Amino acid sequence: MLTLQLRKLEANKVISSTVLAEVPPRVEYELTDIGYALRSVIMELEVWGTSHKQLIGEQPCIPL
């Protein structure tokens, strides 16, 4: 599931990946300029999550 999400983010140019020639193989991900442009949105989501943490914790998880 994580790999699928990373591939989608890369396909949408939100992140870029670099495969490192190590054993075992390792991949590093970093935000692109488009990804950095989302920073303010992500920070606002963090603020929202923090202010609603107690209520969210009381609700059952709904699969997306």
N, C-alpha and C. Protein backbone atom coordinates (compact mmCIF):
# COMPACT_ATOMS: atom_id res chain seq x y z
N MET A 1 0.82 -1.19 0.00
CA MET A 1 0.00 0.00 0.00
C MET A 1 0.87 1.26 0.00
N LEU A 2 1.90 1.27 0.82
CA LEU A 2 2.80 2.42 0.86
C LEU A 2 3.48 2.62 -0.50
N THR A 3 3.94 1.52 -1.09
CA THR A 3 4.61 1.60 -2.40
C THR A 3 3.67 2.20 -3.44
N LEU A 4 2.42 1.79 -3.42
CA LEU A 4 1.44 2.32 -4.36
C LEU A 4 1.27 3.82 -4.18
N GLN A 5 1.17 4.28 -2.94
CA GLN A 5 1.01 5.71 -2.68
C GLN A 5 2.26 6.49 -3.12
N LEU A 6 3.44 5.94 -2.83
CA LEU A 6 4.67 6.61 -3.26
C LEU A 6 4.74 6.70 -4.78
N ARG A 7 4.34 5.66 -5.47
CA ARG A 7 4.34 5.68 -6.95
C ARG A 7 3.37 6.73 -7.48
N LYS A 8 2.21 6.86 -6.85
CA LYS A 8 1.24 7.88 -7.28
C LYS A 8 1.79 9.28 -7.05
N LEU A 9 2.42 9.50 -5.89
CA LEU A 9 3.00 10.81 -5.62
C LEU A 9 4.12 11.13 -6.61
N GLU A 10 4.89 10.12 -6.96
CA GLU A 10 5.96 10.34 -7.93
C GLU A 10 5.39 10.59 -9.33
N ALA A 11 4.36 9.86 -9.71
CA ALA A 11 3.72 10.05 -11.02
C ALA A 11 3.13 11.45 -11.13
N ASN A 12 2.67 11.99 -10.00
CA ASN A 12 2.09 13.34 -9.98
C ASN A 12 3.12 14.41 -9.68
N LYS A 13 4.40 14.01 -9.67
CA LYS A 13 5.53 14.92 -9.51
C LYS A 13 5.53 15.67 -8.18
N VAL A 14 4.97 15.03 -7.15
CA VAL A 14 4.98 15.61 -5.80
C VAL A 14 6.28 15.22 -5.10
N ILE A 15 6.80 14.04 -5.40
CA ILE A 15 8.07 13.58 -4.86
C ILE A 15 8.94 13.05 -6.01
N SER A 16 10.22 12.92 -5.73
CA SER A 16 11.13 12.25 -6.65
C SER A 16 11.88 11.18 -5.86
N SER A 17 12.34 10.15 -6.55
CA SER A 17 13.04 9.07 -5.86
C SER A 17 14.41 8.86 -6.47
N THR A 18 15.31 8.40 -5.63
CA THR A 18 16.65 8.03 -6.05
C THR A 18 16.93 6.65 -5.49
N VAL A 19 17.24 5.70 -6.38
CA VAL A 19 17.58 4.34 -5.96
C VAL A 19 19.08 4.31 -5.68
N LEU A 20 19.44 3.90 -4.47
CA LEU A 20 20.84 3.84 -4.07
C LEU A 20 21.38 2.43 -4.25
N ALA A 21 22.58 2.33 -4.79
CA ALA A 21 23.20 1.03 -5.05
C ALA A 21 23.81 0.49 -3.76
N GLU A 22 22.96 -0.04 -2.91
CA GLU A 22 23.38 -0.60 -1.64
C GLU A 22 22.80 -2.00 -1.50
N VAL A 23 23.33 -2.75 -0.56
CA VAL A 23 22.77 -4.05 -0.25
C VAL A 23 22.33 -4.01 1.21
N PRO A 24 21.06 -4.15 1.49
CA PRO A 24 19.95 -4.27 0.55
C PRO A 24 19.68 -2.94 -0.16
N PRO A 25 19.00 -2.99 -1.31
CA PRO A 25 18.70 -1.76 -2.05
C PRO A 25 17.91 -0.77 -1.19
N ARG A 26 18.17 0.50 -1.41
CA ARG A 26 17.49 1.53 -0.65
C ARG A 26 17.05 2.63 -1.61
N VAL A 27 15.90 3.21 -1.32
CA VAL A 27 15.37 4.30 -2.13
C VAL A 27 15.18 5.51 -1.24
N GLU A 28 15.65 6.66 -1.70
CA GLU A 28 15.44 7.91 -0.98
C GLU A 28 14.40 8.73 -1.74
N TYR A 29 13.50 9.34 -0.99
CA TYR A 29 12.46 10.17 -1.59
C TYR A 29 12.63 11.59 -1.09
N GLU A 30 12.31 12.55 -1.97
CA GLU A 30 12.33 13.94 -1.56
C GLU A 30 11.22 14.70 -2.27
N LEU A 31 10.80 15.78 -1.64
CA LEU A 31 9.76 16.61 -2.24
C LEU A 31 10.31 17.36 -3.45
N THR A 32 9.49 17.49 -4.46
CA THR A 32 9.82 18.32 -5.61
C THR A 32 9.33 19.73 -5.30
N ASP A 33 9.52 20.65 -6.24
CA ASP A 33 9.00 22.01 -6.05
C ASP A 33 7.48 21.97 -5.87
N ILE A 34 6.81 21.10 -6.62
CA ILE A 34 5.35 20.95 -6.48
C ILE A 34 5.02 20.46 -5.08
N GLY A 35 5.79 19.51 -4.59
CA GLY A 35 5.58 18.99 -3.23
C GLY A 35 5.77 20.07 -2.18
N TYR A 36 6.82 20.88 -2.34
CA TYR A 36 7.05 21.97 -1.39
C TYR A 36 5.92 22.99 -1.42
N ALA A 37 5.28 23.16 -2.57
CA ALA A 37 4.16 24.09 -2.68
C ALA A 37 2.97 23.64 -1.83
N LEU A 38 2.92 22.34 -1.50
CA LEU A 38 1.84 21.80 -0.66
C LEU A 38 2.11 21.98 0.83
N ARG A 39 3.26 22.49 1.19
CA ARG A 39 3.64 22.59 2.60
C ARG A 39 2.60 23.33 3.45
N SER A 40 2.11 24.45 2.99
CA SER A 40 1.14 25.22 3.78
C SER A 40 -0.16 24.43 3.98
N VAL A 41 -0.56 23.66 2.97
CA VAL A 41 -1.76 22.83 3.07
C VAL A 41 -1.53 21.74 4.11
N ILE A 42 -0.39 21.09 4.06
CA ILE A 42 -0.07 20.02 5.01
C ILE A 42 0.00 20.57 6.43
N MET A 43 0.58 21.75 6.59
CA MET A 43 0.66 22.35 7.93
C MET A 43 -0.73 22.66 8.48
N GLU A 44 -1.63 23.11 7.63
CA GLU A 44 -3.00 23.38 8.07
C GLU A 44 -3.72 22.09 8.46
N LEU A 45 -3.44 20.99 7.73
CA LEU A 45 -4.01 19.69 8.11
C LEU A 45 -3.50 19.26 9.48
N GLU A 46 -2.23 19.55 9.76
CA GLU A 46 -1.68 19.22 11.07
C GLU A 46 -2.38 20.01 12.18
N VAL A 47 -2.61 21.28 11.94
CA VAL A 47 -3.31 22.13 12.91
C VAL A 47 -4.72 21.58 13.15
N TRP A 48 -5.42 21.24 12.06
CA TRP A 48 -6.77 20.69 12.17
C TRP A 48 -6.75 19.38 12.96
N GLY A 49 -5.81 18.49 12.62
CA GLY A 49 -5.72 17.20 13.30
C GLY A 49 -5.43 17.35 14.78
N THR A 50 -4.55 18.28 15.12
CA THR A 50 -4.21 18.52 16.52
C THR A 50 -5.42 19.05 17.29
N SER A 51 -6.16 19.96 16.69
CA SER A 51 -7.31 20.54 17.39
C SER A 51 -8.49 19.58 17.48
N HIS A 52 -8.53 18.54 16.64
CA HIS A 52 -9.62 17.57 16.66
C HIS A 52 -9.16 16.19 17.14
N LYS A 53 -7.96 16.13 17.70
CA LYS A 53 -7.35 14.86 18.08
C LYS A 53 -8.23 14.04 19.02
N GLN A 54 -8.77 14.66 20.02
CA GLN A 54 -9.58 13.92 20.99
C GLN A 54 -10.82 13.34 20.32
N LEU A 55 -11.53 14.11 19.53
CA LEU A 55 -12.73 13.63 18.86
C LEU A 55 -12.40 12.52 17.86
N ILE A 56 -11.33 12.69 17.11
CA ILE A 56 -10.93 11.69 16.13
C ILE A 56 -10.58 10.38 16.82
N GLY A 57 -9.89 10.46 17.95
CA GLY A 57 -9.49 9.28 18.68
C GLY A 57 -10.67 8.49 19.22
N GLU A 58 -11.81 9.13 19.40
CA GLU A 58 -13.00 8.47 19.94
C GLU A 58 -13.81 7.77 18.86
N GLN A 59 -13.58 8.10 17.60
CA GLN A 59 -14.36 7.56 16.50
C GLN A 59 -13.70 6.31 15.94
N PRO A 60 -14.48 5.32 15.49
CA PRO A 60 -13.86 4.18 14.84
C PRO A 60 -13.28 4.59 13.48
N CYS A 61 -12.22 3.93 13.08
CA CYS A 61 -11.59 4.22 11.79
C CYS A 61 -12.50 3.77 10.66
N ILE A 62 -12.62 4.60 9.66
CA ILE A 62 -13.40 4.27 8.47
C ILE A 62 -12.41 4.06 7.34
N PRO A 63 -12.39 2.88 6.72
CA PRO A 63 -11.44 2.64 5.62
C PRO A 63 -11.68 3.58 4.45
N LEU A 64 -10.60 4.05 3.86
CA LEU A 64 -10.71 4.93 2.69
C LEU A 64 -10.75 4.12 1.42
